[in-house]
Amino acid sequence: MTRIIGLTGGIGSGKSTVAKYLASKGISVYIADVEARKLMESKEVIDEIKSYFGEKVISKKGKIKRKTLANLVFSDKEKLNKLNSIVHPKVKKHFMEWVLLHKNEPFIVKEVAILFETNGHLDCDKVILVTAPEDVRLMRVMQRDNVSKEDVLARMNNQMSEEEKISKSDYVIHNIVLNDTYNQIDKLLKII
C-alpha cells in the first residue's frame, strides 16, 4: 500500500521548493494548490463560487477573478472557510484518484498549504512541515507576489500558528539556506 506523506508549511516557508526537490528525486508529488486552480476553472465550481460570492468575482469571460476573490477571502475567515468548503472536497476526490495511479510506489507526497486546517493530515501516514522565520517568509512573499507587508500578514493571520503545526508534524525542515534544506531532505528520505 502506498504511504501518503503530507507536506505543508505557512505562506513563504518554501513548501514549493521542497516539493520540487522531492520531485527531482523521482518522487511523485501532488501539488494541491495547482490542482485546486485547475478545478476552479470547471463550470461547476465557478457556478458555486458565483452563487455565494456574487458576480463581482467573475470576469466577462466567465472565469474567476482570482485577485478579487483572494482579497475577499483573505480578509474574512468566514468567506475563506466557505471557499474552502466549495473547493476542498473536489481536490480531495481528485487526489484519491491520483493516488490510485501511483499505487505501486512506496510513498507519494501531497503538498497542501492548509493541511492541518482542513484535517488533511488525518489521511497522511506522516507529515513534513517546512518552516522559516517570519521575517524571511514575509520578504519571500512580498518579493514573489509583489504585495505589501500588510497583505502578507493578513494571509499569515488566517493560517495556523507555526508552534501548533510543529506539534502536529512528524518531521520539520528548516528552510533558510537552500543547501542546508536539501541536506535535511536527503537525510529525511533515508528514514521515511
N, C-alpha and C. Protein backbone atom coordinates (compact mmCIF):
# COMPACT_ATOMS: atom_id res chain seq x y z
N MET A 1 0.85 -1.20 0.00
CA MET A 1 0.00 0.00 0.00
C MET A 1 0.89 1.25 0.00
N THR A 2 0.59 2.14 -0.88
CA THR A 2 1.33 3.41 -0.97
C THR A 2 1.09 4.26 0.27
N ARG A 3 2.16 4.72 0.88
CA ARG A 3 2.01 5.62 2.02
C ARG A 3 1.89 7.05 1.53
N ILE A 4 1.08 7.84 2.22
CA ILE A 4 0.88 9.25 1.88
C ILE A 4 1.65 10.10 2.87
N ILE A 5 2.58 10.89 2.34
CA ILE A 5 3.36 11.81 3.17
C ILE A 5 2.84 13.22 2.90
N GLY A 6 2.31 13.84 3.93
CA GLY A 6 1.84 15.22 3.80
C GLY A 6 3.01 16.18 3.87
N LEU A 7 2.96 17.22 3.05
CA LEU A 7 3.98 18.27 3.05
C LEU A 7 3.26 19.59 3.20
N THR A 8 3.58 20.34 4.24
CA THR A 8 2.88 21.59 4.48
C THR A 8 3.82 22.63 5.07
N GLY A 9 3.32 23.82 5.24
CA GLY A 9 4.08 24.93 5.81
C GLY A 9 3.34 26.22 5.55
N GLY A 10 3.63 27.22 6.36
CA GLY A 10 2.98 28.51 6.20
C GLY A 10 3.41 29.20 4.91
N ILE A 11 2.69 30.24 4.57
CA ILE A 11 2.98 31.00 3.36
C ILE A 11 4.43 31.51 3.40
N GLY A 12 5.15 31.28 2.31
CA GLY A 12 6.53 31.74 2.21
C GLY A 12 7.55 30.84 2.88
N SER A 13 7.11 29.69 3.41
CA SER A 13 8.04 28.81 4.11
C SER A 13 8.96 28.06 3.15
N GLY A 14 8.51 27.84 1.94
CA GLY A 14 9.32 27.12 0.96
C GLY A 14 8.80 25.74 0.64
N LYS A 15 7.51 25.51 0.84
CA LYS A 15 6.90 24.21 0.50
C LYS A 15 7.17 23.84 -0.95
N SER A 16 7.00 24.81 -1.84
CA SER A 16 7.18 24.54 -3.28
C SER A 16 8.62 24.16 -3.58
N THR A 17 9.56 24.80 -2.94
CA THR A 17 10.98 24.47 -3.12
C THR A 17 11.25 23.04 -2.70
N VAL A 18 10.71 22.65 -1.56
CA VAL A 18 10.88 21.28 -1.07
C VAL A 18 10.18 20.29 -2.01
N ALA A 19 8.96 20.63 -2.44
CA ALA A 19 8.21 19.76 -3.35
C ALA A 19 8.97 19.54 -4.66
N LYS A 20 9.53 20.61 -5.21
CA LYS A 20 10.30 20.49 -6.47
C LYS A 20 11.53 19.61 -6.27
N TYR A 21 12.19 19.77 -5.14
CA TYR A 21 13.37 18.95 -4.87
C TYR A 21 12.99 17.48 -4.75
N LEU A 22 11.90 17.19 -4.05
CA LEU A 22 11.44 15.81 -3.92
C LEU A 22 11.10 15.23 -5.30
N ALA A 23 10.43 16.02 -6.13
CA ALA A 23 10.07 15.57 -7.48
C ALA A 23 11.33 15.30 -8.30
N SER A 24 12.36 16.12 -8.10
CA SER A 24 13.62 15.93 -8.85
C SER A 24 14.30 14.61 -8.46
N LYS A 25 13.91 14.07 -7.30
CA LYS A 25 14.45 12.80 -6.83
C LYS A 25 13.61 11.62 -7.32
N GLY A 26 12.61 11.91 -8.17
CA GLY A 26 11.77 10.85 -8.72
C GLY A 26 10.56 10.49 -7.88
N ILE A 27 10.28 11.31 -6.87
CA ILE A 27 9.13 11.05 -6.00
C ILE A 27 7.90 11.74 -6.60
N SER A 28 6.78 11.04 -6.63
CA SER A 28 5.54 11.62 -7.15
C SER A 28 4.99 12.60 -6.12
N VAL A 29 4.76 13.85 -6.57
CA VAL A 29 4.29 14.91 -5.67
C VAL A 29 3.01 15.49 -6.23
N TYR A 30 1.99 15.54 -5.41
CA TYR A 30 0.70 16.13 -5.76
C TYR A 30 0.67 17.53 -5.14
N ILE A 31 0.54 18.55 -5.98
CA ILE A 31 0.51 19.93 -5.50
C ILE A 31 -0.95 20.38 -5.44
N ALA A 32 -1.53 20.38 -4.26
CA ALA A 32 -2.96 20.64 -4.10
C ALA A 32 -3.38 22.01 -4.64
N ASP A 33 -2.56 23.05 -4.43
CA ASP A 33 -2.93 24.39 -4.92
C ASP A 33 -3.04 24.43 -6.44
N VAL A 34 -2.11 23.75 -7.12
CA VAL A 34 -2.13 23.71 -8.59
C VAL A 34 -3.39 22.99 -9.07
N GLU A 35 -3.69 21.86 -8.45
CA GLU A 35 -4.88 21.10 -8.84
C GLU A 35 -6.15 21.86 -8.50
N ALA A 36 -6.16 22.56 -7.37
CA ALA A 36 -7.33 23.36 -6.99
C ALA A 36 -7.57 24.47 -8.02
N ARG A 37 -6.48 25.10 -8.49
CA ARG A 37 -6.62 26.14 -9.53
C ARG A 37 -7.27 25.57 -10.78
N LYS A 38 -6.84 24.38 -11.18
CA LYS A 38 -7.42 23.75 -12.37
C LYS A 38 -8.90 23.44 -12.14
N LEU A 39 -9.21 22.90 -10.96
CA LEU A 39 -10.60 22.56 -10.65
C LEU A 39 -11.48 23.81 -10.58
N MET A 40 -10.88 24.95 -10.20
CA MET A 40 -11.65 26.20 -10.12
C MET A 40 -12.00 26.77 -11.49
N GLU A 41 -11.51 26.13 -12.54
CA GLU A 41 -11.87 26.55 -13.89
C GLU A 41 -13.07 25.77 -14.42
N SER A 42 -13.54 24.78 -13.64
CA SER A 42 -14.69 23.98 -14.07
C SER A 42 -15.97 24.79 -13.88
N LYS A 43 -16.94 24.54 -14.73
CA LYS A 43 -18.21 25.26 -14.67
C LYS A 43 -18.89 25.06 -13.32
N GLU A 44 -18.84 23.83 -12.82
CA GLU A 44 -19.48 23.51 -11.54
C GLU A 44 -18.95 24.40 -10.41
N VAL A 45 -17.63 24.51 -10.31
CA VAL A 45 -17.02 25.30 -9.23
C VAL A 45 -17.27 26.79 -9.46
N ILE A 46 -17.14 27.25 -10.69
CA ILE A 46 -17.40 28.66 -11.00
C ILE A 46 -18.82 29.03 -10.59
N ASP A 47 -19.78 28.16 -10.92
CA ASP A 47 -21.19 28.43 -10.57
C ASP A 47 -21.39 28.49 -9.06
N GLU A 48 -20.74 27.58 -8.32
CA GLU A 48 -20.87 27.59 -6.86
C GLU A 48 -20.26 28.86 -6.26
N ILE A 49 -19.10 29.26 -6.78
CA ILE A 49 -18.43 30.46 -6.28
C ILE A 49 -19.27 31.70 -6.61
N LYS A 50 -19.78 31.76 -7.82
CA LYS A 50 -20.62 32.90 -8.23
C LYS A 50 -21.87 32.97 -7.36
N SER A 51 -22.46 31.83 -7.08
CA SER A 51 -23.68 31.79 -6.27
C SER A 51 -23.45 32.37 -4.87
N TYR A 52 -22.29 32.09 -4.29
CA TYR A 52 -22.02 32.58 -2.94
C TYR A 52 -21.41 33.98 -2.92
N PHE A 53 -20.41 34.21 -3.78
CA PHE A 53 -19.64 35.46 -3.72
C PHE A 53 -20.18 36.55 -4.65
N GLY A 54 -21.03 36.18 -5.60
CA GLY A 54 -21.64 37.16 -6.50
C GLY A 54 -20.85 37.38 -7.77
N GLU A 55 -21.46 38.17 -8.66
CA GLU A 55 -20.89 38.46 -9.99
C GLU A 55 -19.54 39.16 -9.94
N LYS A 56 -19.29 39.90 -8.85
CA LYS A 56 -18.06 40.72 -8.78
C LYS A 56 -16.78 39.89 -8.87
N VAL A 57 -16.87 38.59 -8.59
CA VAL A 57 -15.67 37.74 -8.65
C VAL A 57 -15.56 36.98 -9.97
N ILE A 58 -16.47 37.26 -10.91
CA ILE A 58 -16.47 36.58 -12.20
C ILE A 58 -16.19 37.59 -13.31
N SER A 59 -15.26 37.25 -14.19
CA SER A 59 -14.91 38.14 -15.31
C SER A 59 -15.97 38.07 -16.40
N LYS A 60 -15.86 38.97 -17.37
CA LYS A 60 -16.80 38.99 -18.50
C LYS A 60 -16.72 37.68 -19.29
N LYS A 61 -15.55 37.03 -19.24
CA LYS A 61 -15.37 35.76 -19.96
C LYS A 61 -15.88 34.57 -19.14
N GLY A 62 -16.43 34.83 -17.96
CA GLY A 62 -16.98 33.75 -17.14
C GLY A 62 -15.95 33.03 -16.29
N LYS A 63 -14.77 33.60 -16.16
CA LYS A 63 -13.71 33.00 -15.33
C LYS A 63 -13.68 33.70 -13.97
N ILE A 64 -13.07 33.03 -12.99
CA ILE A 64 -12.95 33.63 -11.66
C ILE A 64 -11.87 34.69 -11.67
N LYS A 65 -12.19 35.86 -11.11
CA LYS A 65 -11.18 36.91 -10.92
C LYS A 65 -10.44 36.56 -9.64
N ARG A 66 -9.31 35.92 -9.80
CA ARG A 66 -8.58 35.37 -8.64
C ARG A 66 -8.18 36.44 -7.62
N LYS A 67 -7.69 37.58 -8.11
CA LYS A 67 -7.23 38.62 -7.19
C LYS A 67 -8.41 39.18 -6.38
N THR A 68 -9.53 39.40 -7.06
CA THR A 68 -10.72 39.91 -6.37
C THR A 68 -11.19 38.91 -5.31
N LEU A 69 -11.23 37.64 -5.69
CA LEU A 69 -11.66 36.60 -4.75
C LEU A 69 -10.67 36.49 -3.58
N ALA A 70 -9.38 36.54 -3.88
CA ALA A 70 -8.36 36.46 -2.83
C ALA A 70 -8.51 37.61 -1.84
N ASN A 71 -8.72 38.81 -2.36
CA ASN A 71 -8.90 39.97 -1.47
C ASN A 71 -10.10 39.81 -0.56
N LEU A 72 -11.15 39.18 -1.06
CA LEU A 72 -12.35 38.94 -0.25
C LEU A 72 -12.10 37.92 0.85
N VAL A 73 -11.49 36.79 0.47
CA VAL A 73 -11.39 35.69 1.43
C VAL A 73 -10.25 35.83 2.43
N PHE A 74 -9.16 36.49 2.04
CA PHE A 74 -8.04 36.58 2.97
C PHE A 74 -8.26 37.61 4.06
N SER A 75 -9.30 38.41 3.93
CA SER A 75 -9.60 39.38 4.99
C SER A 75 -10.84 38.96 5.79
N ASP A 76 -11.41 37.79 5.47
CA ASP A 76 -12.63 37.34 6.13
C ASP A 76 -12.60 35.82 6.28
N LYS A 77 -12.39 35.37 7.50
CA LYS A 77 -12.23 33.94 7.75
C LYS A 77 -13.47 33.14 7.34
N GLU A 78 -14.66 33.70 7.55
CA GLU A 78 -15.89 33.00 7.19
C GLU A 78 -15.97 32.77 5.68
N LYS A 79 -15.58 33.79 4.91
CA LYS A 79 -15.59 33.65 3.44
C LYS A 79 -14.51 32.68 2.98
N LEU A 80 -13.36 32.70 3.65
CA LEU A 80 -12.29 31.75 3.32
C LEU A 80 -12.77 30.32 3.58
N ASN A 81 -13.43 30.12 4.71
CA ASN A 81 -13.96 28.79 5.03
C ASN A 81 -14.99 28.35 3.99
N LYS A 82 -15.81 29.28 3.52
CA LYS A 82 -16.81 28.94 2.50
C LYS A 82 -16.13 28.53 1.20
N LEU A 83 -15.13 29.30 0.78
CA LEU A 83 -14.40 28.95 -0.44
C LEU A 83 -13.76 27.57 -0.29
N ASN A 84 -13.14 27.32 0.86
CA ASN A 84 -12.52 26.02 1.10
C ASN A 84 -13.56 24.90 1.06
N SER A 85 -14.77 25.17 1.57
CA SER A 85 -15.81 24.13 1.58
C SER A 85 -16.31 23.82 0.17
N ILE A 86 -16.13 24.74 -0.75
CA ILE A 86 -16.50 24.51 -2.15
C ILE A 86 -15.40 23.72 -2.86
N VAL A 87 -14.16 24.15 -2.68
CA VAL A 87 -13.05 23.60 -3.45
C VAL A 87 -12.45 22.33 -2.86
N HIS A 88 -12.27 22.27 -1.54
CA HIS A 88 -11.51 21.17 -0.94
C HIS A 88 -12.11 19.78 -1.14
N PRO A 89 -13.42 19.60 -1.07
CA PRO A 89 -13.93 18.24 -1.33
C PRO A 89 -13.61 17.76 -2.75
N LYS A 90 -13.59 18.67 -3.70
CA LYS A 90 -13.27 18.31 -5.08
C LYS A 90 -11.78 17.97 -5.23
N VAL A 91 -10.94 18.70 -4.53
CA VAL A 91 -9.50 18.41 -4.55
C VAL A 91 -9.25 17.05 -3.89
N LYS A 92 -9.93 16.80 -2.80
CA LYS A 92 -9.75 15.52 -2.09
C LYS A 92 -10.12 14.34 -3.00
N LYS A 93 -11.23 14.47 -3.71
CA LYS A 93 -11.66 13.40 -4.63
C LYS A 93 -10.62 13.21 -5.74
N HIS A 94 -10.15 14.32 -6.31
CA HIS A 94 -9.15 14.27 -7.37
C HIS A 94 -7.86 13.61 -6.85
N PHE A 95 -7.47 13.95 -5.64
CA PHE A 95 -6.26 13.38 -5.04
C PHE A 95 -6.39 11.87 -4.89
N MET A 96 -7.53 11.40 -4.42
CA MET A 96 -7.71 9.96 -4.22
C MET A 96 -7.62 9.22 -5.55
N GLU A 97 -8.11 9.82 -6.61
CA GLU A 97 -7.99 9.22 -7.95
C GLU A 97 -6.51 9.19 -8.37
N TRP A 98 -5.78 10.27 -8.05
CA TRP A 98 -4.35 10.37 -8.36
C TRP A 98 -3.55 9.31 -7.61
N VAL A 99 -3.90 9.08 -6.34
CA VAL A 99 -3.21 8.08 -5.54
C VAL A 99 -3.31 6.70 -6.21
N LEU A 100 -4.48 6.39 -6.74
CA LEU A 100 -4.67 5.09 -7.41
C LEU A 100 -3.72 4.92 -8.59
N LEU A 101 -3.40 6.02 -9.26
CA LEU A 101 -2.46 5.97 -10.38
C LEU A 101 -1.02 5.69 -9.92
N HIS A 102 -0.76 5.93 -8.65
CA HIS A 102 0.59 5.77 -8.09
C HIS A 102 0.63 4.69 -7.01
N LYS A 103 -0.30 3.76 -7.08
CA LYS A 103 -0.45 2.77 -6.01
C LYS A 103 0.72 1.81 -5.86
N ASN A 104 1.60 1.73 -6.86
CA ASN A 104 2.73 0.82 -6.77
C ASN A 104 4.00 1.48 -6.22
N GLU A 105 3.91 2.75 -5.87
CA GLU A 105 5.06 3.45 -5.31
C GLU A 105 5.08 3.28 -3.79
N PRO A 106 6.27 3.24 -3.19
CA PRO A 106 6.32 3.05 -1.73
C PRO A 106 5.65 4.21 -0.98
N PHE A 107 5.84 5.43 -1.48
CA PHE A 107 5.13 6.58 -0.90
C PHE A 107 5.03 7.68 -1.94
N ILE A 108 4.04 8.53 -1.72
CA ILE A 108 3.85 9.73 -2.55
C ILE A 108 3.76 10.91 -1.58
N VAL A 109 3.91 12.11 -2.13
CA VAL A 109 3.86 13.32 -1.29
C VAL A 109 2.70 14.18 -1.73
N LYS A 110 1.94 14.64 -0.75
CA LYS A 110 0.81 15.55 -1.00
C LYS A 110 1.16 16.89 -0.37
N GLU A 111 1.39 17.90 -1.22
CA GLU A 111 1.76 19.23 -0.74
C GLU A 111 0.49 20.08 -0.63
N VAL A 112 0.20 20.50 0.60
CA VAL A 112 -1.01 21.28 0.87
C VAL A 112 -0.67 22.40 1.86
N ALA A 113 -1.00 23.63 1.49
CA ALA A 113 -0.71 24.77 2.37
C ALA A 113 -1.47 24.66 3.69
N ILE A 114 -2.72 24.27 3.62
CA ILE A 114 -3.55 24.23 4.83
C ILE A 114 -3.94 22.80 5.19
N LEU A 115 -2.94 21.95 5.27
CA LEU A 115 -3.14 20.53 5.55
C LEU A 115 -3.85 20.31 6.90
N PHE A 116 -3.37 20.97 7.94
CA PHE A 116 -3.96 20.79 9.27
C PHE A 116 -5.32 21.47 9.38
N GLU A 117 -5.43 22.65 8.78
CA GLU A 117 -6.67 23.42 8.88
C GLU A 117 -7.86 22.70 8.25
N THR A 118 -7.58 21.83 7.27
CA THR A 118 -8.65 21.08 6.59
C THR A 118 -8.71 19.62 7.05
N ASN A 119 -7.95 19.31 8.10
CA ASN A 119 -7.84 17.94 8.63
C ASN A 119 -7.30 16.94 7.61
N GLY A 120 -6.58 17.44 6.60
CA GLY A 120 -5.98 16.58 5.60
C GLY A 120 -4.89 15.69 6.18
N HIS A 121 -4.31 16.12 7.28
CA HIS A 121 -3.25 15.32 7.91
C HIS A 121 -3.77 13.97 8.40
N LEU A 122 -5.08 13.87 8.62
CA LEU A 122 -5.66 12.62 9.10
C LEU A 122 -5.58 11.53 8.03
N ASP A 123 -5.44 11.94 6.76
CA ASP A 123 -5.31 10.99 5.65
C ASP A 123 -3.85 10.66 5.33
N CYS A 124 -2.93 11.21 6.10
CA CYS A 124 -1.49 11.02 5.82
C CYS A 124 -0.87 10.05 6.81
N ASP A 125 0.10 9.31 6.32
CA ASP A 125 0.84 8.40 7.20
C ASP A 125 1.87 9.16 8.02
N LYS A 126 2.47 10.18 7.42
CA LYS A 126 3.44 11.05 8.10
C LYS A 126 3.26 12.46 7.54
N VAL A 127 3.71 13.46 8.30
CA VAL A 127 3.63 14.85 7.86
C VAL A 127 4.98 15.53 8.00
N ILE A 128 5.40 16.19 6.92
CA ILE A 128 6.61 17.01 6.92
C ILE A 128 6.17 18.47 6.94
N LEU A 129 6.70 19.24 7.87
CA LEU A 129 6.43 20.67 7.94
C LEU A 129 7.67 21.43 7.50
N VAL A 130 7.48 22.40 6.62
CA VAL A 130 8.56 23.29 6.19
C VAL A 130 8.38 24.61 6.94
N THR A 131 9.43 25.06 7.61
CA THR A 131 9.35 26.31 8.37
C THR A 131 10.48 27.26 7.96
N ALA A 132 10.27 28.51 8.30
CA ALA A 132 11.28 29.56 8.14
C ALA A 132 10.87 30.69 9.08
N PRO A 133 11.82 31.51 9.51
CA PRO A 133 11.46 32.63 10.38
C PRO A 133 10.45 33.55 9.68
N GLU A 134 9.58 34.17 10.49
CA GLU A 134 8.53 35.01 9.93
C GLU A 134 9.07 36.13 9.05
N ASP A 135 10.18 36.78 9.45
CA ASP A 135 10.70 37.88 8.64
C ASP A 135 11.18 37.38 7.27
N VAL A 136 11.73 36.18 7.22
CA VAL A 136 12.18 35.58 5.96
C VAL A 136 10.96 35.28 5.09
N ARG A 137 9.92 34.70 5.70
CA ARG A 137 8.70 34.37 4.97
C ARG A 137 8.06 35.64 4.41
N LEU A 138 8.02 36.68 5.23
CA LEU A 138 7.44 37.96 4.79
C LEU A 138 8.15 38.48 3.54
N MET A 139 9.48 38.51 3.60
CA MET A 139 10.25 39.03 2.46
C MET A 139 10.04 38.18 1.21
N ARG A 140 10.04 36.87 1.37
CA ARG A 140 9.85 35.97 0.23
C ARG A 140 8.52 36.25 -0.47
N VAL A 141 7.46 36.35 0.32
CA VAL A 141 6.12 36.52 -0.28
C VAL A 141 5.96 37.92 -0.87
N MET A 142 6.50 38.94 -0.18
CA MET A 142 6.41 40.30 -0.71
C MET A 142 7.10 40.38 -2.06
N GLN A 143 8.27 39.76 -2.17
CA GLN A 143 9.00 39.78 -3.45
C GLN A 143 8.33 38.91 -4.50
N ARG A 144 7.90 37.71 -4.11
CA ARG A 144 7.30 36.76 -5.05
C ARG A 144 5.98 37.28 -5.62
N ASP A 145 5.11 37.80 -4.73
CA ASP A 145 3.77 38.19 -5.15
C ASP A 145 3.61 39.69 -5.39
N ASN A 146 4.69 40.45 -5.12
CA ASN A 146 4.65 41.90 -5.28
C ASN A 146 3.48 42.51 -4.49
N VAL A 147 3.42 42.14 -3.21
CA VAL A 147 2.35 42.63 -2.33
C VAL A 147 2.95 43.29 -1.11
N SER A 148 2.10 44.00 -0.38
CA SER A 148 2.57 44.73 0.80
C SER A 148 2.74 43.79 2.00
N LYS A 149 3.48 44.28 2.97
CA LYS A 149 3.69 43.54 4.21
C LYS A 149 2.35 43.26 4.89
N GLU A 150 1.45 44.24 4.85
CA GLU A 150 0.13 44.09 5.47
C GLU A 150 -0.66 42.96 4.82
N ASP A 151 -0.57 42.87 3.47
CA ASP A 151 -1.28 41.80 2.75
C ASP A 151 -0.77 40.42 3.19
N VAL A 152 0.56 40.31 3.31
CA VAL A 152 1.15 39.03 3.69
C VAL A 152 0.76 38.69 5.13
N LEU A 153 0.82 39.68 6.02
CA LEU A 153 0.46 39.44 7.42
C LEU A 153 -1.00 39.01 7.55
N ALA A 154 -1.88 39.59 6.73
CA ALA A 154 -3.29 39.21 6.75
C ALA A 154 -3.44 37.73 6.37
N ARG A 155 -2.68 37.28 5.39
CA ARG A 155 -2.74 35.87 5.00
C ARG A 155 -2.17 34.98 6.10
N MET A 156 -1.04 35.42 6.68
CA MET A 156 -0.42 34.64 7.76
C MET A 156 -1.38 34.49 8.95
N ASN A 157 -2.11 35.57 9.23
CA ASN A 157 -3.02 35.54 10.38
C ASN A 157 -4.19 34.59 10.17
N ASN A 158 -4.44 34.19 8.92
CA ASN A 158 -5.51 33.23 8.63
C ASN A 158 -5.00 31.79 8.67
N GLN A 159 -3.70 31.62 8.93
CA GLN A 159 -3.15 30.27 8.99
C GLN A 159 -2.84 29.89 10.44
N MET A 160 -2.82 28.61 10.68
CA MET A 160 -2.49 28.08 12.00
C MET A 160 -1.08 28.52 12.40
N SER A 161 -0.84 28.68 13.68
CA SER A 161 0.47 29.12 14.15
C SER A 161 1.53 28.05 13.87
N GLU A 162 2.77 28.51 13.70
CA GLU A 162 3.90 27.59 13.47
C GLU A 162 4.03 26.60 14.62
N GLU A 163 3.86 27.08 15.85
CA GLU A 163 4.01 26.21 17.02
C GLU A 163 3.03 25.06 16.97
N GLU A 164 1.78 25.36 16.61
CA GLU A 164 0.76 24.32 16.55
C GLU A 164 1.06 23.33 15.42
N LYS A 165 1.53 23.84 14.28
CA LYS A 165 1.87 22.96 13.15
C LYS A 165 3.03 22.04 13.53
N ILE A 166 4.03 22.58 14.21
CA ILE A 166 5.19 21.78 14.63
C ILE A 166 4.73 20.64 15.54
N SER A 167 3.82 20.95 16.46
CA SER A 167 3.36 19.93 17.41
C SER A 167 2.60 18.81 16.72
N LYS A 168 2.04 19.08 15.53
CA LYS A 168 1.25 18.07 14.81
C LYS A 168 2.05 17.35 13.73
N SER A 169 3.31 17.76 13.52
CA SER A 169 4.12 17.20 12.43
C SER A 169 5.05 16.11 12.91
N ASP A 170 5.39 15.20 11.98
CA ASP A 170 6.34 14.13 12.29
C ASP A 170 7.77 14.58 12.04
N TYR A 171 7.96 15.43 11.02
CA TYR A 171 9.29 15.92 10.65
C TYR A 171 9.20 17.42 10.37
N VAL A 172 10.28 18.14 10.68
CA VAL A 172 10.33 19.58 10.42
C VAL A 172 11.59 19.89 9.62
N ILE A 173 11.41 20.60 8.52
CA ILE A 173 12.53 21.06 7.70
C ILE A 173 12.63 22.57 7.87
N HIS A 174 13.79 23.05 8.30
CA HIS A 174 14.02 24.48 8.47
C HIS A 174 14.62 25.01 7.16
N ASN A 175 13.82 25.75 6.42
CA ASN A 175 14.21 26.21 5.09
C ASN A 175 14.71 27.66 5.13
N ILE A 176 15.99 27.81 5.41
CA ILE A 176 16.59 29.15 5.43
C ILE A 176 17.68 29.23 4.36
N VAL A 177 18.66 28.32 4.44
CA VAL A 177 19.73 28.24 3.44
C VAL A 177 19.47 27.02 2.57
N LEU A 178 19.37 27.22 1.25
CA LEU A 178 18.93 26.18 0.33
C LEU A 178 19.72 24.87 0.42
N ASN A 179 21.05 24.95 0.43
CA ASN A 179 21.85 23.71 0.50
C ASN A 179 21.58 22.94 1.79
N ASP A 180 21.39 23.67 2.88
CA ASP A 180 21.06 23.04 4.15
C ASP A 180 19.69 22.37 4.07
N THR A 181 18.76 23.04 3.40
CA THR A 181 17.41 22.47 3.21
C THR A 181 17.50 21.16 2.45
N TYR A 182 18.25 21.15 1.36
CA TYR A 182 18.42 19.92 0.57
C TYR A 182 19.05 18.80 1.40
N ASN A 183 20.03 19.14 2.23
CA ASN A 183 20.67 18.14 3.10
C ASN A 183 19.66 17.55 4.09
N GLN A 184 18.80 18.41 4.64
CA GLN A 184 17.78 17.93 5.57
C GLN A 184 16.82 16.97 4.86
N ILE A 185 16.44 17.30 3.63
CA ILE A 185 15.53 16.44 2.86
C ILE A 185 16.20 15.10 2.57
N ASP A 186 17.47 15.14 2.15
CA ASP A 186 18.19 13.90 1.83
C ASP A 186 18.24 12.98 3.06
N LYS A 187 18.50 13.54 4.23
CA LYS A 187 18.55 12.74 5.46
C LYS A 187 17.17 12.15 5.76
N LEU A 188 16.15 12.97 5.55
CA LEU A 188 14.77 12.54 5.80
C LEU A 188 14.35 11.39 4.88
N LEU A 189 14.77 11.46 3.63
CA LEU A 189 14.40 10.42 2.68
C LEU A 189 14.96 9.05 3.06
N LYS A 190 16.03 9.04 3.84
CA LYS A 190 16.63 7.77 4.28
C LYS A 190 15.82 7.10 5.37
N ILE A 191 14.97 7.88 6.06
CA ILE A 191 14.21 7.30 7.18
C ILE A 191 12.71 7.20 6.92
N ILE A 192 12.24 7.82 5.86
CA ILE A 192 10.78 7.75 5.57
C ILE A 192 10.42 6.35 5.11
